[in-house]
Amino acid sequence: MKPHGSIANMDKKTALVTGASRGIGRGIAIELARAGCRVAINYAQNAKAAEEALELVRAAGGEGFTVKADIARAADRRRLLAETLSRFSRIDLLVNNAGVAPAVRADLLEAGEESFDRLIEINLKGPYFLTQLAARQMLGQEKDSSGFRGRIVTIASISSYAASTGRGDYCVAKAGLSMMTKLFADRLAPDGINVYEIRPGIMATDMTRGVKEKYDKLIQEGVTPIRRWGSPADVGLAVSAIAEDRFPFSTGAVFDVDGGFHLRRL
């Protein structure tokens, strides 16, 4: 794909957020809008939710558009990038957020290949090759006023390192995203593209609704030093700080947005 964009339209950064119709992705899109970004809101199925997210982006003072694409499909990934470039002419920030949970939690010794393949395709393979496409585009862009050709943020999880034997496929996929961040950070740093990983903890989203009672109890008992659920806005604020270039001398860095879950405590 031939890179678009020179130094035009650089008064506002442009962001592509995958899985942005609901949950963490929506929270990221809203905070990026508040930071002055134009936002491409990617969704896979729920057009109504995507339009609601777009309305919230506009209410936050931003602008954007919605684009349907399944990041597990190569043709959709190419179209997603092409439509974003058609609207914005360049991509200053890619946020790999789209992901799914297992349809059914299954013990590690009983889990089947169908669920594994689905999670790897959507949660790891899709972001990996979308990042490859976006990086190629960014390499052909002129540097912006902050001296960057682009930024890439991947939303991983505490499941990158915390074992959960009832959803091993999810943990493996998230661990893969952590290595993906390191690889692209190393490859792209000399060319003015910084890469970051954010690890959310226990977040109040549709994905955790079915286990709310379990995590309410764990939080109350102190599984996290900050005793509350995380919110999509918590993750969004971390992403907006990156978009605002608050960490220009960091790449391959991991930001824990987890209420302190990652701390080893006695």
Protein backbone atom coordinates (compact mmCIF):
# COMPACT_ATOMS: atom_id res chain seq x y z
CA MET A 1 0.00 0.00 0.00
CA LYS A 2 1.40 3.38 -0.99
CA PRO A 3 1.69 5.72 2.01
CA HIS A 4 -0.66 8.70 2.10
CA GLY A 5 -0.15 12.02 3.75
CA SER A 6 2.55 14.63 4.04
CA ILE A 7 2.31 17.49 6.51
CA ALA A 8 -1.26 18.42 5.68
CA ASN A 9 -3.95 18.13 8.34
CA MET A 10 -1.36 17.93 11.09
CA ASP A 11 -3.06 20.52 13.29
CA LYS A 12 -5.04 17.58 14.68
CA LYS A 13 -3.73 14.09 15.26
CA THR A 14 -5.68 11.27 13.67
CA ALA A 15 -6.38 8.01 15.45
CA LEU A 16 -7.70 4.63 14.39
CA VAL A 17 -9.22 2.70 17.30
CA THR A 18 -10.27 -0.88 16.70
CA GLY A 19 -13.23 -2.30 18.59
CA ALA A 20 -14.30 1.23 19.50
CA SER A 21 -18.06 0.87 19.54
CA ARG A 22 -18.33 -0.23 23.17
CA GLY A 23 -16.41 -0.79 26.37
CA ILE A 24 -12.75 0.10 26.60
CA GLY A 25 -12.56 1.07 22.92
CA ARG A 26 -15.37 3.57 23.31
CA GLY A 27 -13.70 5.03 26.40
CA ILE A 28 -10.47 5.44 24.44
CA ALA A 29 -12.24 7.13 21.52
CA ILE A 30 -13.93 9.63 23.83
CA GLU A 31 -10.74 10.57 25.65
CA LEU A 32 -8.87 10.94 22.36
CA ALA A 33 -11.61 13.28 21.16
CA ARG A 34 -11.18 15.34 24.33
CA ALA A 35 -7.47 15.50 23.53
CA GLY A 36 -8.30 16.97 20.12
CA CYS A 37 -7.88 13.90 17.93
CA ARG A 38 -9.96 12.90 14.96
CA VAL A 39 -11.08 9.31 15.49
CA ALA A 40 -11.88 6.42 13.18
CA ILE A 41 -14.27 4.21 15.17
CA ASN A 42 -13.90 0.63 14.01
CA TYR A 43 -16.54 -1.97 14.82
CA ALA A 44 -17.24 -5.52 13.70
CA GLN A 45 -21.02 -5.95 14.05
CA ASN A 46 -22.91 -3.45 16.20
CA ALA A 47 -23.52 -0.43 13.97
CA LYS A 48 -25.91 1.16 16.49
CA ALA A 49 -23.28 1.05 19.25
CA ALA A 50 -20.71 2.54 16.86
CA GLU A 51 -23.03 5.43 16.03
CA GLU A 52 -23.57 6.02 19.75
CA ALA A 53 -19.80 6.10 20.22
CA LEU A 54 -19.50 8.61 17.38
CA GLU A 55 -22.11 10.84 19.02
CA LEU A 56 -20.12 10.73 22.26
CA VAL A 57 -16.92 11.57 20.38
CA ARG A 58 -18.61 14.60 18.88
CA ALA A 59 -20.04 15.60 22.27
CA ALA A 60 -16.50 15.49 23.63
CA GLY A 61 -15.47 18.05 21.01
CA GLY A 62 -13.95 15.68 18.50
CA GLU A 63 -14.75 14.53 15.01
CA GLY A 64 -14.67 11.15 13.39
CA PHE A 65 -16.48 8.44 11.49
CA THR A 66 -17.40 4.78 11.86
CA VAL A 67 -16.02 1.95 9.77
CA LYS A 68 -17.12 -1.68 9.85
CA ALA A 69 -14.31 -4.20 9.56
CA ASP A 70 -13.39 -7.58 11.03
CA ILE A 71 -9.71 -7.35 11.91
CA ALA A 72 -9.40 -11.13 11.68
CA ARG A 73 -9.85 -10.83 7.88
CA ALA A 74 -6.97 -9.58 5.74
CA ALA A 75 -9.23 -7.83 3.21
CA ASP A 76 -11.06 -6.02 6.02
CA ARG A 77 -7.78 -4.88 7.56
CA ARG A 78 -6.67 -3.39 4.26
CA ARG A 79 -10.03 -1.68 3.76
CA LEU A 80 -10.04 -0.34 7.31
CA LEU A 81 -6.70 1.33 6.76
CA ALA A 82 -7.69 2.60 3.32
CA GLU A 83 -10.93 4.17 4.56
CA THR A 84 -9.15 5.83 7.46
CA LEU A 85 -6.56 7.30 5.11
CA SER A 86 -9.26 8.42 2.70
CA ARG A 87 -10.86 10.46 5.50
CA PHE A 88 -7.80 11.61 7.42
CA SER A 89 -4.91 11.36 4.89
CA ARG A 90 -2.59 9.97 7.57
CA ILE A 91 -2.63 7.90 10.75
CA ASP A 92 -0.87 9.37 13.75
CA LEU A 93 -2.07 6.78 16.24
CA LEU A 94 -3.18 3.17 15.89
CA VAL A 95 -4.90 1.69 18.94
CA ASN A 96 -5.19 -2.09 18.82
CA ASN A 97 -8.12 -2.63 21.14
CA ALA A 98 -10.50 -5.07 19.41
CA GLY A 99 -10.73 -8.43 21.10
CA VAL A 100 -13.12 -11.13 22.26
CA ALA A 101 -13.46 -13.43 25.24
CA PRO A 102 -13.96 -17.18 24.93
CA ALA A 103 -17.57 -18.04 24.15
CA VAL A 104 -17.40 -20.56 26.99
CA ARG A 105 -14.82 -20.74 29.75
CA ALA A 106 -13.35 -24.24 29.64
CA ASP A 107 -10.77 -26.01 31.77
CA LEU A 108 -7.32 -26.09 30.23
CA LEU A 109 -7.49 -29.87 29.85
CA GLU A 110 -10.87 -29.79 28.13
CA ALA A 111 -10.74 -26.66 25.91
CA GLY A 112 -11.06 -27.23 22.18
CA GLU A 113 -9.28 -25.92 19.11
CA GLU A 114 -12.23 -23.95 17.74
CA SER A 115 -12.16 -21.43 20.58
CA PHE A 116 -8.36 -21.27 20.46
CA ASP A 117 -8.32 -20.54 16.73
CA ARG A 118 -11.03 -17.87 17.10
CA LEU A 119 -9.20 -16.02 19.86
CA ILE A 120 -5.81 -16.17 18.18
CA GLU A 121 -7.25 -14.90 14.89
CA ILE A 122 -9.11 -11.96 16.42
CA ASN A 123 -7.00 -11.10 19.47
CA LEU A 124 -3.49 -11.70 18.13
CA LYS A 125 -3.22 -12.35 14.40
CA GLY A 126 -5.54 -9.46 13.52
CA PRO A 127 -3.66 -6.83 15.57
CA TYR A 128 -0.29 -8.21 14.44
CA PHE A 129 -0.98 -7.77 10.75
CA LEU A 130 -2.96 -4.54 11.17
CA THR A 131 0.05 -3.12 12.99
CA GLN A 132 2.24 -4.24 10.11
CA LEU A 133 0.00 -2.39 7.62
CA ALA A 134 -0.18 0.74 9.76
CA ALA A 135 3.58 0.74 10.35
CA ARG A 136 4.25 0.63 6.61
CA GLN A 137 1.94 3.61 6.17
CA MET A 138 3.58 5.54 9.01
CA LEU A 139 7.06 4.92 7.62
CA GLY A 140 6.07 6.84 4.49
CA GLN A 141 4.60 9.80 6.37
CA GLU A 142 6.38 13.05 7.11
CA LYS A 143 7.19 13.60 10.76
CA ASP A 144 4.63 15.66 12.64
CA SER A 145 5.26 18.73 14.77
CA SER A 146 6.36 16.49 17.66
CA GLY A 147 8.91 14.71 15.50
CA PHE A 148 7.01 11.43 15.15
CA ARG A 149 5.77 9.55 12.11
CA GLY A 150 3.29 7.72 14.26
CA ARG A 151 2.43 5.97 17.50
CA ILE A 152 1.05 2.49 18.14
CA VAL A 153 -0.74 1.41 21.30
CA THR A 154 -1.89 -2.13 21.99
CA ILE A 155 -4.41 -2.91 24.69
CA ALA A 156 -3.28 -6.16 26.27
CA SER A 157 -4.38 -7.32 29.73
CA ILE A 158 -3.23 -8.51 33.13
CA SER A 159 -3.96 -11.88 31.48
CA SER A 160 -0.67 -11.37 29.63
CA TYR A 161 1.01 -12.73 32.75
CA ALA A 162 -1.72 -13.80 35.22
CA ALA A 163 -2.70 -17.42 34.58
CA SER A 164 -6.41 -18.21 34.31
CA THR A 165 -6.80 -21.91 33.58
CA GLY A 166 -10.45 -21.51 32.59
CA ARG A 167 -9.52 -19.37 29.61
CA GLY A 168 -6.07 -20.40 28.52
CA ASP A 169 -6.64 -19.32 24.91
CA TYR A 170 -7.33 -15.75 26.03
CA CYS A 171 -4.19 -15.66 28.18
CA VAL A 172 -2.00 -17.01 25.38
CA ALA A 173 -3.34 -14.42 22.93
CA LYS A 174 -2.75 -11.54 25.36
CA ALA A 175 0.76 -12.76 26.14
CA GLY A 176 1.41 -12.72 22.40
CA LEU A 177 0.36 -9.07 22.24
CA SER A 178 2.96 -8.23 24.87
CA MET A 179 5.72 -9.70 22.73
CA MET A 180 4.26 -8.04 19.65
CA THR A 181 4.70 -4.68 21.36
CA LYS A 182 8.37 -5.38 22.05
CA LEU A 183 9.01 -6.51 18.49
CA PHE A 184 7.42 -3.52 16.78
CA ALA A 185 8.94 -1.11 19.30
CA ASP A 186 12.42 -2.37 18.47
CA ARG A 187 11.83 -2.36 14.72
CA LEU A 188 10.21 1.07 14.45
CA ALA A 189 12.01 3.23 17.01
CA PRO A 190 14.79 4.36 14.63
CA ASP A 191 12.14 5.67 12.24
CA GLY A 192 10.24 7.89 14.64
CA ILE A 193 7.41 5.52 15.61
CA ASN A 194 6.93 4.74 19.29
CA VAL A 195 5.04 1.65 20.42
CA TYR A 196 3.34 1.09 23.77
CA GLU A 197 1.36 -1.55 25.64
CA ILE A 198 -1.43 -0.90 28.11
CA ARG A 199 -2.52 -3.65 30.49
CA PRO A 200 -5.99 -3.06 31.89
CA GLY A 201 -7.02 -4.90 35.02
CA ILE A 202 -10.53 -5.67 36.24
CA MET A 203 -12.67 -3.45 34.04
CA ALA A 204 -16.39 -2.76 34.17
CA THR A 205 -17.43 -3.68 30.62
CA ASP A 206 -19.81 -6.05 28.86
CA MET A 207 -17.06 -8.67 28.90
CA THR A 208 -17.01 -8.83 32.72
CA ARG A 209 -20.74 -8.42 33.34
CA GLY A 210 -21.23 -12.16 33.79
CA VAL A 211 -18.59 -12.38 36.52
CA LYS A 212 -19.46 -9.18 38.37
CA GLU A 213 -20.32 -10.87 41.66
CA LYS A 214 -17.03 -12.78 41.66
CA TYR A 215 -14.92 -9.68 41.09
CA ASP A 216 -16.96 -7.50 43.44
CA LYS A 217 -15.96 -9.91 46.19
CA LEU A 218 -12.30 -10.07 45.12
CA ILE A 219 -12.01 -6.29 44.97
CA GLN A 220 -13.65 -5.91 48.37
CA GLU A 221 -11.15 -8.42 49.76
CA GLY A 222 -8.24 -6.44 48.35
CA VAL A 223 -7.15 -8.24 45.18
CA THR A 224 -6.19 -4.74 44.00
CA PRO A 225 -4.73 -2.06 46.30
CA ILE A 226 -7.09 0.48 44.71
CA ARG A 227 -10.38 -1.11 45.70
CA ARG A 228 -12.66 -0.33 42.80
CA TRP A 229 -13.45 -1.54 39.32
CA GLY A 230 -11.53 0.07 36.50
CA SER A 231 -13.45 1.99 33.85
CA PRO A 232 -13.01 2.47 30.11
CA ALA A 233 -12.17 6.10 30.85
CA ASP A 234 -9.18 4.96 32.96
CA VAL A 235 -7.70 3.26 29.92
CA GLY A 236 -8.72 6.15 27.68
CA LEU A 237 -6.81 8.62 29.82
CA ALA A 238 -3.66 6.53 29.48
CA VAL A 239 -4.01 6.39 25.70
CA SER A 240 -4.68 10.13 25.45
CA ALA A 241 -1.50 10.82 27.43
CA ILE A 242 0.42 8.85 24.81
CA ALA A 243 -1.37 10.68 22.01
CA GLU A 244 -0.35 13.97 23.63
CA ASP A 245 3.30 12.78 23.59
CA ARG A 246 3.72 12.73 27.34
CA PHE A 247 6.17 9.82 26.92
CA PRO A 248 8.41 10.78 23.99
CA PHE A 249 11.47 8.94 25.37
CA SER A 250 9.61 5.67 26.00
CA THR A 251 8.95 2.83 23.60
CA GLY A 252 8.10 -0.78 24.25
CA ALA A 253 6.82 0.46 27.60
CA VAL A 254 4.04 -1.22 29.55
CA PHE A 255 1.48 0.93 31.36
CA ASP A 256 -0.43 -0.93 34.05
CA VAL A 257 -3.97 0.40 34.37
CA ASP A 258 -5.01 -2.19 36.90
CA GLY A 259 -5.53 -0.63 40.31
CA GLY A 260 -2.14 -1.98 41.38
CA PHE A 261 -2.94 -5.63 40.63
CA HIS A 262 0.56 -6.17 39.26
CA LEU A 263 2.22 -5.46 42.61
CA ARG A 264 3.68 -8.43 44.44
CA ARG A 265 2.51 -8.06 48.02
CA LEU A 266 3.02 -9.86 51.31
